[in-house]
Amino acid sequence: GLLNGSVVFGLWYYAINLLGAVRASWFT
């Protein structure tokens, strides 16, 4: 709920906004 919810997806969308969806996805 917290780490894998609000925290991780906040970081995820932050990374997408800065890197773009494709570049961010490759980190996973």
mmCIF file of all heavy atoms, coordinates in Angstrom:
data_MODEL
# 
_entry.id   MODEL 
# 
loop_
_atom_site.group_PDB 
_atom_site.id 
_atom_site.type_symbol 
_atom_site.label_atom_id 
_atom_site.label_alt_id 
_atom_site.label_comp_id 
_atom_site.label_asym_id 
_atom_site.label_entity_id 
_atom_site.label_seq_id 
_atom_site.pdbx_PDB_ins_code 
_atom_site.Cartn_x 
_atom_site.Cartn_y 
_atom_site.Cartn_z 
_atom_site.occupancy 
_atom_site.B_iso_or_equiv 
_atom_site.pdbx_formal_charge 
_atom_site.auth_seq_id 
_atom_site.auth_comp_id 
_atom_site.auth_asym_id 
_atom_site.auth_atom_id 
_atom_site.pdbx_PDB_model_num 
ATOM 1   N N   . GLY A 1 1  ? 0.795  -1.218 0.000   1.00 0.00 ? 1  GLY A N   1 
ATOM 2   C CA  . GLY A 1 1  ? 0.000  0.000  0.000   1.00 0.00 ? 1  GLY A CA  1 
ATOM 3   C C   . GLY A 1 1  ? 0.827  1.268  0.000   1.00 0.00 ? 1  GLY A C   1 
ATOM 4   O O   . GLY A 1 1  ? 0.509  2.223  -0.716  1.00 0.00 ? 1  GLY A O   1 
ATOM 5   N N   . LEU A 1 2  ? 1.882  1.299  0.806   1.00 0.00 ? 2  LEU A N   1 
ATOM 6   C CA  . LEU A 1 2  ? 2.692  2.515  0.925   1.00 0.00 ? 2  LEU A CA  1 
ATOM 7   C C   . LEU A 1 2  ? 3.890  2.490  -0.014  1.00 0.00 ? 2  LEU A C   1 
ATOM 8   O O   . LEU A 1 2  ? 3.962  3.259  -0.973  1.00 0.00 ? 2  LEU A O   1 
ATOM 9   C CB  . LEU A 1 2  ? 3.143  2.693  2.376   1.00 0.00 ? 2  LEU A CB  1 
ATOM 10  C CG  . LEU A 1 2  ? 2.021  2.977  3.380   1.00 0.00 ? 2  LEU A CG  1 
ATOM 11  C CD1 . LEU A 1 2  ? 2.563  3.017  4.800   1.00 0.00 ? 2  LEU A CD1 1 
ATOM 12  C CD2 . LEU A 1 2  ? 1.303  4.283  3.045   1.00 0.00 ? 2  LEU A CD2 1 
ATOM 13  N N   . LEU A 1 3  ? 4.839  1.570  0.239   1.00 0.00 ? 3  LEU A N   1 
ATOM 14  C CA  . LEU A 1 3  ? 6.041  1.546  -0.595  1.00 0.00 ? 3  LEU A CA  1 
ATOM 15  C C   . LEU A 1 3  ? 5.721  1.184  -2.040  1.00 0.00 ? 3  LEU A C   1 
ATOM 16  O O   . LEU A 1 3  ? 6.124  1.874  -2.977  1.00 0.00 ? 3  LEU A O   1 
ATOM 17  C CB  . LEU A 1 3  ? 7.051  0.559  -0.014  1.00 0.00 ? 3  LEU A CB  1 
ATOM 18  C CG  . LEU A 1 3  ? 7.944  1.074  1.116   1.00 0.00 ? 3  LEU A CG  1 
ATOM 19  C CD1 . LEU A 1 3  ? 8.881  -0.025 1.583   1.00 0.00 ? 3  LEU A CD1 1 
ATOM 20  C CD2 . LEU A 1 3  ? 8.725  2.298  0.684   1.00 0.00 ? 3  LEU A CD2 1 
ATOM 21  N N   . ASN A 1 4  ? 4.975  0.084  -2.228  1.00 0.00 ? 4  ASN A N   1 
ATOM 22  C CA  . ASN A 1 4  ? 4.692  -0.370 -3.584  1.00 0.00 ? 4  ASN A CA  1 
ATOM 23  C C   . ASN A 1 4  ? 3.441  0.280  -4.160  1.00 0.00 ? 4  ASN A C   1 
ATOM 24  O O   . ASN A 1 4  ? 2.993  -0.086 -5.245  1.00 0.00 ? 4  ASN A O   1 
ATOM 25  C CB  . ASN A 1 4  ? 4.537  -1.894 -3.616  1.00 0.00 ? 4  ASN A CB  1 
ATOM 26  C CG  . ASN A 1 4  ? 4.729  -2.464 -4.993  1.00 0.00 ? 4  ASN A CG  1 
ATOM 27  O OD1 . ASN A 1 4  ? 5.581  -2.015 -5.748  1.00 0.00 ? 4  ASN A OD1 1 
ATOM 28  N ND2 . ASN A 1 4  ? 3.913  -3.446 -5.351  1.00 0.00 ? 4  ASN A ND2 1 
ATOM 29  N N   . GLY A 1 5  ? 2.884  1.245  -3.435  1.00 0.00 ? 5  GLY A N   1 
ATOM 30  C CA  . GLY A 1 5  ? 1.711  1.953  -3.915  1.00 0.00 ? 5  GLY A CA  1 
ATOM 31  C C   . GLY A 1 5  ? 2.014  3.423  -4.117  1.00 0.00 ? 5  GLY A C   1 
ATOM 32  O O   . GLY A 1 5  ? 2.512  3.844  -5.160  1.00 0.00 ? 5  GLY A O   1 
ATOM 33  N N   . SER A 1 6  ? 1.749  4.223  -3.095  1.00 0.00 ? 6  SER A N   1 
ATOM 34  C CA  . SER A 1 6  ? 1.886  5.675  -3.245  1.00 0.00 ? 6  SER A CA  1 
ATOM 35  C C   . SER A 1 6  ? 3.330  6.104  -3.472  1.00 0.00 ? 6  SER A C   1 
ATOM 36  O O   . SER A 1 6  ? 3.612  6.983  -4.296  1.00 0.00 ? 6  SER A O   1 
ATOM 37  C CB  . SER A 1 6  ? 1.311  6.381  -2.006  1.00 0.00 ? 6  SER A CB  1 
ATOM 38  O OG  . SER A 1 6  ? 1.825  5.827  -0.815  1.00 0.00 ? 6  SER A OG  1 
ATOM 39  N N   . VAL A 1 7  ? 4.298  5.483  -2.787  1.00 0.00 ? 7  VAL A N   1 
ATOM 40  C CA  . VAL A 1 7  ? 5.699  5.904  -2.931  1.00 0.00 ? 7  VAL A CA  1 
ATOM 41  C C   . VAL A 1 7  ? 6.253  5.506  -4.289  1.00 0.00 ? 7  VAL A C   1 
ATOM 42  O O   . VAL A 1 7  ? 6.792  6.337  -5.039  1.00 0.00 ? 7  VAL A O   1 
ATOM 43  C CB  . VAL A 1 7  ? 6.566  5.309  -1.795  1.00 0.00 ? 7  VAL A CB  1 
ATOM 44  C CG1 . VAL A 1 7  ? 8.049  5.588  -2.058  1.00 0.00 ? 7  VAL A CG1 1 
ATOM 45  C CG2 . VAL A 1 7  ? 6.159  5.904  -0.457  1.00 0.00 ? 7  VAL A CG2 1 
ATOM 46  N N   . VAL A 1 8  ? 6.139  4.212  -4.623  1.00 0.00 ? 8  VAL A N   1 
ATOM 47  C CA  . VAL A 1 8  ? 6.802  3.737  -5.831  1.00 0.00 ? 8  VAL A CA  1 
ATOM 48  C C   . VAL A 1 8  ? 6.186  4.323  -7.093  1.00 0.00 ? 8  VAL A C   1 
ATOM 49  O O   . VAL A 1 8  ? 6.890  4.661  -8.053  1.00 0.00 ? 8  VAL A O   1 
ATOM 50  C CB  . VAL A 1 8  ? 6.805  2.189  -5.879  1.00 0.00 ? 8  VAL A CB  1 
ATOM 51  C CG1 . VAL A 1 8  ? 5.505  1.640  -6.434  1.00 0.00 ? 8  VAL A CG1 1 
ATOM 52  C CG2 . VAL A 1 8  ? 7.975  1.682  -6.697  1.00 0.00 ? 8  VAL A CG2 1 
ATOM 53  N N   . PHE A 1 9  ? 4.874  4.494  -7.121  1.00 0.00 ? 9  PHE A N   1 
ATOM 54  C CA  . PHE A 1 9  ? 4.276  5.042  -8.338  1.00 0.00 ? 9  PHE A CA  1 
ATOM 55  C C   . PHE A 1 9  ? 4.467  6.550  -8.433  1.00 0.00 ? 9  PHE A C   1 
ATOM 56  O O   . PHE A 1 9  ? 4.480  7.101  -9.539  1.00 0.00 ? 9  PHE A O   1 
ATOM 57  C CB  . PHE A 1 9  ? 2.801  4.644  -8.447  1.00 0.00 ? 9  PHE A CB  1 
ATOM 58  C CG  . PHE A 1 9  ? 2.624  3.313  -9.112  1.00 0.00 ? 9  PHE A CG  1 
ATOM 59  C CD1 . PHE A 1 9  ? 2.383  2.180  -8.362  1.00 0.00 ? 9  PHE A CD1 1 
ATOM 60  C CD2 . PHE A 1 9  ? 2.737  3.180  -10.486 1.00 0.00 ? 9  PHE A CD2 1 
ATOM 61  C CE1 . PHE A 1 9  ? 2.243  0.938  -8.961  1.00 0.00 ? 9  PHE A CE1 1 
ATOM 62  C CE2 . PHE A 1 9  ? 2.597  1.957  -11.108 1.00 0.00 ? 9  PHE A CE2 1 
ATOM 63  C CZ  . PHE A 1 9  ? 2.352  0.821  -10.343 1.00 0.00 ? 9  PHE A CZ  1 
ATOM 64  N N   . GLY A 1 10 ? 4.632  7.228  -7.279  1.00 0.00 ? 10 GLY A N   1 
ATOM 65  C CA  . GLY A 1 10 ? 5.032  8.626  -7.354  1.00 0.00 ? 10 GLY A CA  1 
ATOM 66  C C   . GLY A 1 10 ? 6.400  8.765  -8.009  1.00 0.00 ? 10 GLY A C   1 
ATOM 67  O O   . GLY A 1 10 ? 6.610  9.606  -8.893  1.00 0.00 ? 10 GLY A O   1 
ATOM 68  N N   . LEU A 1 11 ? 7.340  7.905  -7.609  1.00 0.00 ? 11 LEU A N   1 
ATOM 69  C CA  . LEU A 1 11 ? 8.667  7.892  -8.233  1.00 0.00 ? 11 LEU A CA  1 
ATOM 70  C C   . LEU A 1 11 ? 8.585  7.460  -9.699  1.00 0.00 ? 11 LEU A C   1 
ATOM 71  O O   . LEU A 1 11 ? 9.304  7.987  -10.555 1.00 0.00 ? 11 LEU A O   1 
ATOM 72  C CB  . LEU A 1 11 ? 9.592  6.939  -7.468  1.00 0.00 ? 11 LEU A CB  1 
ATOM 73  C CG  . LEU A 1 11 ? 9.991  7.361  -6.056  1.00 0.00 ? 11 LEU A CG  1 
ATOM 74  C CD1 . LEU A 1 11 ? 10.656 6.200  -5.315  1.00 0.00 ? 11 LEU A CD1 1 
ATOM 75  C CD2 . LEU A 1 11 ? 10.920 8.564  -6.102  1.00 0.00 ? 11 LEU A CD2 1 
ATOM 76  N N   . TRP A 1 12 ? 7.719  6.508  -9.984  1.00 0.00 ? 12 TRP A N   1 
ATOM 77  C CA  . TRP A 1 12 ? 7.581  5.983  -11.342 1.00 0.00 ? 12 TRP A CA  1 
ATOM 78  C C   . TRP A 1 12 ? 7.113  7.073  -12.309 1.00 0.00 ? 12 TRP A C   1 
ATOM 79  O O   . TRP A 1 12 ? 7.676  7.268  -13.383 1.00 0.00 ? 12 TRP A O   1 
ATOM 80  C CB  . TRP A 1 12 ? 6.621  4.808  -11.314 1.00 0.00 ? 12 TRP A CB  1 
ATOM 81  C CG  . TRP A 1 12 ? 6.381  4.117  -12.612 1.00 0.00 ? 12 TRP A CG  1 
ATOM 82  C CD1 . TRP A 1 12 ? 5.176  3.913  -13.215 1.00 0.00 ? 12 TRP A CD1 1 
ATOM 83  C CD2 . TRP A 1 12 ? 7.356  3.507  -13.473 1.00 0.00 ? 12 TRP A CD2 1 
ATOM 84  N NE1 . TRP A 1 12 ? 5.333  3.214  -14.386 1.00 0.00 ? 12 TRP A NE1 1 
ATOM 85  C CE2 . TRP A 1 12 ? 6.664  2.955  -14.564 1.00 0.00 ? 12 TRP A CE2 1 
ATOM 86  C CE3 . TRP A 1 12 ? 8.737  3.381  -13.411 1.00 0.00 ? 12 TRP A CE3 1 
ATOM 87  C CZ2 . TRP A 1 12 ? 7.313  2.289  -15.596 1.00 0.00 ? 12 TRP A CZ2 1 
ATOM 88  C CZ3 . TRP A 1 12 ? 9.389  2.720  -14.442 1.00 0.00 ? 12 TRP A CZ3 1 
ATOM 89  C CH2 . TRP A 1 12 ? 8.683  2.191  -15.516 1.00 0.00 ? 12 TRP A CH2 1 
ATOM 90  N N   . TYR A 1 13 ? 6.075  7.810  -11.931 1.00 0.00 ? 13 TYR A N   1 
ATOM 91  C CA  . TYR A 1 13 ? 5.575  8.866  -12.815 1.00 0.00 ? 13 TYR A CA  1 
ATOM 92  C C   . TYR A 1 13 ? 6.551  10.036 -12.889 1.00 0.00 ? 13 TYR A C   1 
ATOM 93  O O   . TYR A 1 13 ? 6.641  10.713 -13.923 1.00 0.00 ? 13 TYR A O   1 
ATOM 94  C CB  . TYR A 1 13 ? 4.189  9.334  -12.354 1.00 0.00 ? 13 TYR A CB  1 
ATOM 95  C CG  . TYR A 1 13 ? 3.118  8.293  -12.610 1.00 0.00 ? 13 TYR A CG  1 
ATOM 96  C CD1 . TYR A 1 13 ? 2.323  7.801  -11.592 1.00 0.00 ? 13 TYR A CD1 1 
ATOM 97  C CD2 . TYR A 1 13 ? 2.921  7.780  -13.894 1.00 0.00 ? 13 TYR A CD2 1 
ATOM 98  C CE1 . TYR A 1 13 ? 1.357  6.836  -11.828 1.00 0.00 ? 13 TYR A CE1 1 
ATOM 99  C CE2 . TYR A 1 13 ? 1.959  6.816  -14.137 1.00 0.00 ? 13 TYR A CE2 1 
ATOM 100 C CZ  . TYR A 1 13 ? 1.184  6.348  -13.104 1.00 0.00 ? 13 TYR A CZ  1 
ATOM 101 O OH  . TYR A 1 13 ? 0.240  5.383  -13.347 1.00 0.00 ? 13 TYR A OH  1 
ATOM 102 N N   . TYR A 1 14 ? 7.288  10.264 -11.819 1.00 0.00 ? 14 TYR A N   1 
ATOM 103 C CA  . TYR A 1 14 ? 8.345  11.280 -11.850 1.00 0.00 ? 14 TYR A CA  1 
ATOM 104 C C   . TYR A 1 14 ? 9.409  10.885 -12.870 1.00 0.00 ? 14 TYR A C   1 
ATOM 105 O O   . TYR A 1 14 ? 9.859  11.715 -13.682 1.00 0.00 ? 14 TYR A O   1 
ATOM 106 C CB  . TYR A 1 14 ? 8.946  11.413 -10.452 1.00 0.00 ? 14 TYR A CB  1 
ATOM 107 C CG  . TYR A 1 14 ? 10.058 12.441 -10.332 1.00 0.00 ? 14 TYR A CG  1 
ATOM 108 C CD1 . TYR A 1 14 ? 9.773  13.807 -10.408 1.00 0.00 ? 14 TYR A CD1 1 
ATOM 109 C CD2 . TYR A 1 14 ? 11.373 12.040 -10.127 1.00 0.00 ? 14 TYR A CD2 1 
ATOM 110 C CE1 . TYR A 1 14 ? 10.797 14.745 -10.282 1.00 0.00 ? 14 TYR A CE1 1 
ATOM 111 C CE2 . TYR A 1 14 ? 12.390 12.972 -10.005 1.00 0.00 ? 14 TYR A CE2 1 
ATOM 112 C CZ  . TYR A 1 14 ? 12.098 14.323 -10.078 1.00 0.00 ? 14 TYR A CZ  1 
ATOM 113 O OH  . TYR A 1 14 ? 13.107 15.254 -9.966  1.00 0.00 ? 14 TYR A OH  1 
ATOM 114 N N   . ALA A 1 15 ? 9.810  9.606  -12.865 1.00 0.00 ? 15 ALA A N   1 
ATOM 115 C CA  . ALA A 1 15 ? 10.807 9.129  -13.828 1.00 0.00 ? 15 ALA A CA  1 
ATOM 116 C C   . ALA A 1 15 ? 10.273 9.211  -15.257 1.00 0.00 ? 15 ALA A C   1 
ATOM 117 O O   . ALA A 1 15 ? 11.003 9.605  -16.180 1.00 0.00 ? 15 ALA A O   1 
ATOM 118 C CB  . ALA A 1 15 ? 11.198 7.688  -13.497 1.00 0.00 ? 15 ALA A CB  1 
ATOM 119 N N   . ILE A 1 16 ? 9.009  8.865  -15.462 1.00 0.00 ? 16 ILE A N   1 
ATOM 120 C CA  . ILE A 1 16 ? 8.413  8.944  -16.802 1.00 0.00 ? 16 ILE A CA  1 
ATOM 121 C C   . ILE A 1 16 ? 8.386  10.386 -17.293 1.00 0.00 ? 16 ILE A C   1 
ATOM 122 O O   . ILE A 1 16 ? 8.683  10.669 -18.460 1.00 0.00 ? 16 ILE A O   1 
ATOM 123 C CB  . ILE A 1 16 ? 6.998  8.332  -16.797 1.00 0.00 ? 16 ILE A CB  1 
ATOM 124 C CG1 . ILE A 1 16 ? 7.085  6.808  -16.660 1.00 0.00 ? 16 ILE A CG1 1 
ATOM 125 C CG2 . ILE A 1 16 ? 6.241  8.690  -18.079 1.00 0.00 ? 16 ILE A CG2 1 
ATOM 126 C CD1 . ILE A 1 16 ? 5.745  6.122  -16.535 1.00 0.00 ? 16 ILE A CD1 1 
ATOM 127 N N   . ASN A 1 17 ? 8.031  11.326 -16.401 1.00 0.00 ? 17 ASN A N   1 
ATOM 128 C CA  . ASN A 1 17 ? 7.991  12.739 -16.796 1.00 0.00 ? 17 ASN A CA  1 
ATOM 129 C C   . ASN A 1 17 ? 9.368  13.249 -17.212 1.00 0.00 ? 17 ASN A C   1 
ATOM 130 O O   . ASN A 1 17 ? 9.483  14.100 -18.102 1.00 0.00 ? 17 ASN A O   1 
ATOM 131 C CB  . ASN A 1 17 ? 7.448  13.592 -15.645 1.00 0.00 ? 17 ASN A CB  1 
ATOM 132 C CG  . ASN A 1 17 ? 5.947  13.473 -15.491 1.00 0.00 ? 17 ASN A CG  1 
ATOM 133 O OD1 . ASN A 1 17 ? 5.255  12.981 -16.379 1.00 0.00 ? 17 ASN A OD1 1 
ATOM 134 N ND2 . ASN A 1 17 ? 5.431  13.896 -14.352 1.00 0.00 ? 17 ASN A ND2 1 
ATOM 135 N N   . LEU A 1 18 ? 10.431 12.735 -16.585 1.00 0.00 ? 18 LEU A N   1 
ATOM 136 C CA  . LEU A 1 18 ? 11.782 13.214 -16.875 1.00 0.00 ? 18 LEU A CA  1 
ATOM 137 C C   . LEU A 1 18 ? 12.459 12.447 -18.013 1.00 0.00 ? 18 LEU A C   1 
ATOM 138 O O   . LEU A 1 18 ? 13.188 13.039 -18.815 1.00 0.00 ? 18 LEU A O   1 
ATOM 139 C CB  . LEU A 1 18 ? 12.655 13.123 -15.621 1.00 0.00 ? 18 LEU A CB  1 
ATOM 140 C CG  . LEU A 1 18 ? 12.290 14.057 -14.470 1.00 0.00 ? 18 LEU A CG  1 
ATOM 141 C CD1 . LEU A 1 18 ? 13.227 13.834 -13.294 1.00 0.00 ? 18 LEU A CD1 1 
ATOM 142 C CD2 . LEU A 1 18 ? 12.329 15.514 -14.896 1.00 0.00 ? 18 LEU A CD2 1 
ATOM 143 N N   . LEU A 1 19 ? 12.242 11.135 -18.074 1.00 0.00 ? 19 LEU A N   1 
ATOM 144 C CA  . LEU A 1 19 ? 12.966 10.291 -19.032 1.00 0.00 ? 19 LEU A CA  1 
ATOM 145 C C   . LEU A 1 19 ? 12.135 9.885  -20.239 1.00 0.00 ? 19 LEU A C   1 
ATOM 146 O O   . LEU A 1 19 ? 12.697 9.501  -21.271 1.00 0.00 ? 19 LEU A O   1 
ATOM 147 C CB  . LEU A 1 19 ? 13.456 9.013  -18.334 1.00 0.00 ? 19 LEU A CB  1 
ATOM 148 C CG  . LEU A 1 19 ? 14.399 9.181  -17.147 1.00 0.00 ? 19 LEU A CG  1 
ATOM 149 C CD1 . LEU A 1 19 ? 14.692 7.823  -16.521 1.00 0.00 ? 19 LEU A CD1 1 
ATOM 150 C CD2 . LEU A 1 19 ? 15.700 9.857  -17.579 1.00 0.00 ? 19 LEU A CD2 1 
ATOM 151 N N   . GLY A 1 20 ? 10.817 9.954  -20.121 1.00 0.00 ? 20 GLY A N   1 
ATOM 152 C CA  . GLY A 1 20 ? 9.957  9.380  -21.138 1.00 0.00 ? 20 GLY A CA  1 
ATOM 153 C C   . GLY A 1 20 ? 9.596  7.955  -20.765 1.00 0.00 ? 20 GLY A C   1 
ATOM 154 O O   . GLY A 1 20 ? 10.318 7.284  -20.011 1.00 0.00 ? 20 GLY A O   1 
ATOM 155 N N   . ALA A 1 21 ? 8.483  7.458  -21.297 1.00 0.00 ? 21 ALA A N   1 
ATOM 156 C CA  . ALA A 1 21 ? 7.979  6.149  -20.895 1.00 0.00 ? 21 ALA A CA  1 
ATOM 157 C C   . ALA A 1 21 ? 8.924  5.018  -21.276 1.00 0.00 ? 21 ALA A C   1 
ATOM 158 O O   . ALA A 1 21 ? 9.159  4.102  -20.485 1.00 0.00 ? 21 ALA A O   1 
ATOM 159 C CB  . ALA A 1 21 ? 6.596  5.917  -21.521 1.00 0.00 ? 21 ALA A CB  1 
ATOM 160 N N   . VAL A 1 22 ? 9.468  5.053  -22.490 1.00 0.00 ? 22 VAL A N   1 
ATOM 161 C CA  . VAL A 1 22 ? 10.298 3.937  -22.959 1.00 0.00 ? 22 VAL A CA  1 
ATOM 162 C C   . VAL A 1 22 ? 11.584 3.838  -22.154 1.00 0.00 ? 22 VAL A C   1 
ATOM 163 O O   . VAL A 1 22 ? 11.968 2.765  -21.668 1.00 0.00 ? 22 VAL A O   1 
ATOM 164 C CB  . VAL A 1 22 ? 10.602 4.078  -24.462 1.00 0.00 ? 22 VAL A CB  1 
ATOM 165 C CG1 . VAL A 1 22 ? 11.587 3.001  -24.911 1.00 0.00 ? 22 VAL A CG1 1 
ATOM 166 C CG2 . VAL A 1 22 ? 9.320  3.983  -25.280 1.00 0.00 ? 22 VAL A CG2 1 
ATOM 167 N N   . ARG A 1 23 ? 12.287 4.956  -21.974 1.00 0.00 ? 23 ARG A N   1 
ATOM 168 C CA  . ARG A 1 23 ? 13.553 4.930  -21.225 1.00 0.00 ? 23 ARG A CA  1 
ATOM 169 C C   . ARG A 1 23 ? 13.326 4.509  -19.771 1.00 0.00 ? 23 ARG A C   1 
ATOM 170 O O   . ARG A 1 23 ? 14.089 3.712  -19.219 1.00 0.00 ? 23 ARG A O   1 
ATOM 171 C CB  . ARG A 1 23 ? 14.223 6.293  -21.271 1.00 0.00 ? 23 ARG A CB  1 
ATOM 172 C CG  . ARG A 1 23 ? 14.791 6.677  -22.630 1.00 0.00 ? 23 ARG A CG  1 
ATOM 173 C CD  . ARG A 1 23 ? 15.383 8.073  -22.588 1.00 0.00 ? 23 ARG A CD  1 
ATOM 174 N NE  . ARG A 1 23 ? 16.519 8.133  -21.683 1.00 0.00 ? 23 ARG A NE  1 
ATOM 175 C CZ  . ARG A 1 23 ? 17.035 9.276  -21.220 1.00 0.00 ? 23 ARG A CZ  1 
ATOM 176 N NH1 . ARG A 1 23 ? 16.479 10.449 -21.550 1.00 0.00 ? 23 ARG A NH1 1 
ATOM 177 N NH2 . ARG A 1 23 ? 18.077 9.268  -20.421 1.00 0.00 ? 23 ARG A NH2 1 
ATOM 178 N N   . ALA A 1 24 ? 12.276 5.041  -19.147 1.00 0.00 ? 24 ALA A N   1 
ATOM 179 C CA  . ALA A 1 24 ? 12.000 4.670  -17.755 1.00 0.00 ? 24 ALA A CA  1 
ATOM 180 C C   . ALA A 1 24 ? 11.682 3.182  -17.646 1.00 0.00 ? 24 ALA A C   1 
ATOM 181 O O   . ALA A 1 24 ? 12.121 2.502  -16.710 1.00 0.00 ? 24 ALA A O   1 
ATOM 182 C CB  . ALA A 1 24 ? 10.849 5.506  -17.213 1.00 0.00 ? 24 ALA A CB  1 
ATOM 183 N N   . SER A 1 25 ? 10.918 2.656  -18.601 1.00 0.00 ? 25 SER A N   1 
ATOM 184 C CA  . SER A 1 25 ? 10.502 1.259  -18.519 1.00 0.00 ? 25 SER A CA  1 
ATOM 185 C C   . SER A 1 25 ? 11.692 0.306  -18.567 1.00 0.00 ? 25 SER A C   1 
ATOM 186 O O   . SER A 1 25 ? 11.679 -0.747 -17.932 1.00 0.00 ? 25 SER A O   1 
ATOM 187 C CB  . SER A 1 25 ? 9.519  0.925  -19.647 1.00 0.00 ? 25 SER A CB  1 
ATOM 188 O OG  . SER A 1 25 ? 10.169 0.881  -20.903 1.00 0.00 ? 25 SER A OG  1 
ATOM 189 N N   . TRP A 1 26 ? 12.750 0.677  -19.300 1.00 0.00 ? 26 TRP A N   1 
ATOM 190 C CA  . TRP A 1 26 ? 13.886 -0.235 -19.441 1.00 0.00 ? 26 TRP A CA  1 
ATOM 191 C C   . TRP A 1 26 ? 14.659 -0.422 -18.140 1.00 0.00 ? 26 TRP A C   1 
ATOM 192 O O   . TRP A 1 26 ? 15.335 -1.428 -17.955 1.00 0.00 ? 26 TRP A O   1 
ATOM 193 C CB  . TRP A 1 26 ? 14.810 0.238  -20.569 1.00 0.00 ? 26 TRP A CB  1 
ATOM 194 C CG  . TRP A 1 26 ? 14.335 -0.311 -21.875 1.00 0.00 ? 26 TRP A CG  1 
ATOM 195 C CD1 . TRP A 1 26 ? 13.309 0.157  -22.635 1.00 0.00 ? 26 TRP A CD1 1 
ATOM 196 C CD2 . TRP A 1 26 ? 14.827 -1.474 -22.546 1.00 0.00 ? 26 TRP A CD2 1 
ATOM 197 N NE1 . TRP A 1 26 ? 13.130 -0.625 -23.746 1.00 0.00 ? 26 TRP A NE1 1 
ATOM 198 C CE2 . TRP A 1 26 ? 14.054 -1.634 -23.725 1.00 0.00 ? 26 TRP A CE2 1 
ATOM 199 C CE3 . TRP A 1 26 ? 15.841 -2.375 -22.288 1.00 0.00 ? 26 TRP A CE3 1 
ATOM 200 C CZ2 . TRP A 1 26 ? 14.265 -2.672 -24.626 1.00 0.00 ? 26 TRP A CZ2 1 
ATOM 201 C CZ3 . TRP A 1 26 ? 16.059 -3.418 -23.188 1.00 0.00 ? 26 TRP A CZ3 1 
ATOM 202 C CH2 . TRP A 1 26 ? 15.273 -3.556 -24.336 1.00 0.00 ? 26 TRP A CH2 1 
ATOM 203 N N   . PHE A 1 27 ? 14.547 0.502  -17.215 1.00 0.00 ? 27 PHE A N   1 
ATOM 204 C CA  . PHE A 1 27 ? 15.186 0.318  -15.917 1.00 0.00 ? 27 PHE A CA  1 
ATOM 205 C C   . PHE A 1 27 ? 14.601 -0.881 -15.187 1.00 0.00 ? 27 PHE A C   1 
ATOM 206 O O   . PHE A 1 27 ? 15.298 -1.536 -14.399 1.00 0.00 ? 27 PHE A O   1 
ATOM 207 C CB  . PHE A 1 27 ? 15.021 1.578  -15.056 1.00 0.00 ? 27 PHE A CB  1 
ATOM 208 C CG  . PHE A 1 27 ? 16.040 2.645  -15.337 1.00 0.00 ? 27 PHE A CG  1 
ATOM 209 C CD1 . PHE A 1 27 ? 15.817 3.586  -16.332 1.00 0.00 ? 27 PHE A CD1 1 
ATOM 210 C CD2 . PHE A 1 27 ? 17.213 2.713  -14.610 1.00 0.00 ? 27 PHE A CD2 1 
ATOM 211 C CE1 . PHE A 1 27 ? 16.756 4.569  -16.599 1.00 0.00 ? 27 PHE A CE1 1 
ATOM 212 C CE2 . PHE A 1 27 ? 18.160 3.702  -14.866 1.00 0.00 ? 27 PHE A CE2 1 
ATOM 213 C CZ  . PHE A 1 27 ? 17.927 4.627  -15.873 1.00 0.00 ? 27 PHE A CZ  1 
ATOM 214 N N   . THR A 1 28 ? 13.313 -1.187 -15.430 1.00 0.00 ? 28 THR A N   1 
ATOM 215 C CA  . THR A 1 28 ? 12.668 -2.255 -14.677 1.00 0.00 ? 28 THR A CA  1 
ATOM 216 C C   . THR A 1 28 ? 13.221 -3.634 -15.036 1.00 0.00 ? 28 THR A C   1 
ATOM 217 O O   . THR A 1 28 ? 13.003 -4.595 -14.294 1.00 0.00 ? 28 THR A O   1 
ATOM 218 C CB  . THR A 1 28 ? 11.146 -2.252 -14.897 1.00 0.00 ? 28 THR A CB  1 
ATOM 219 O OG1 . THR A 1 28 ? 10.844 -2.574 -16.265 1.00 0.00 ? 28 THR A OG1 1 
ATOM 220 C CG2 . THR A 1 28 ? 10.550 -0.897 -14.555 1.00 0.00 ? 28 THR A CG2 1 
# 
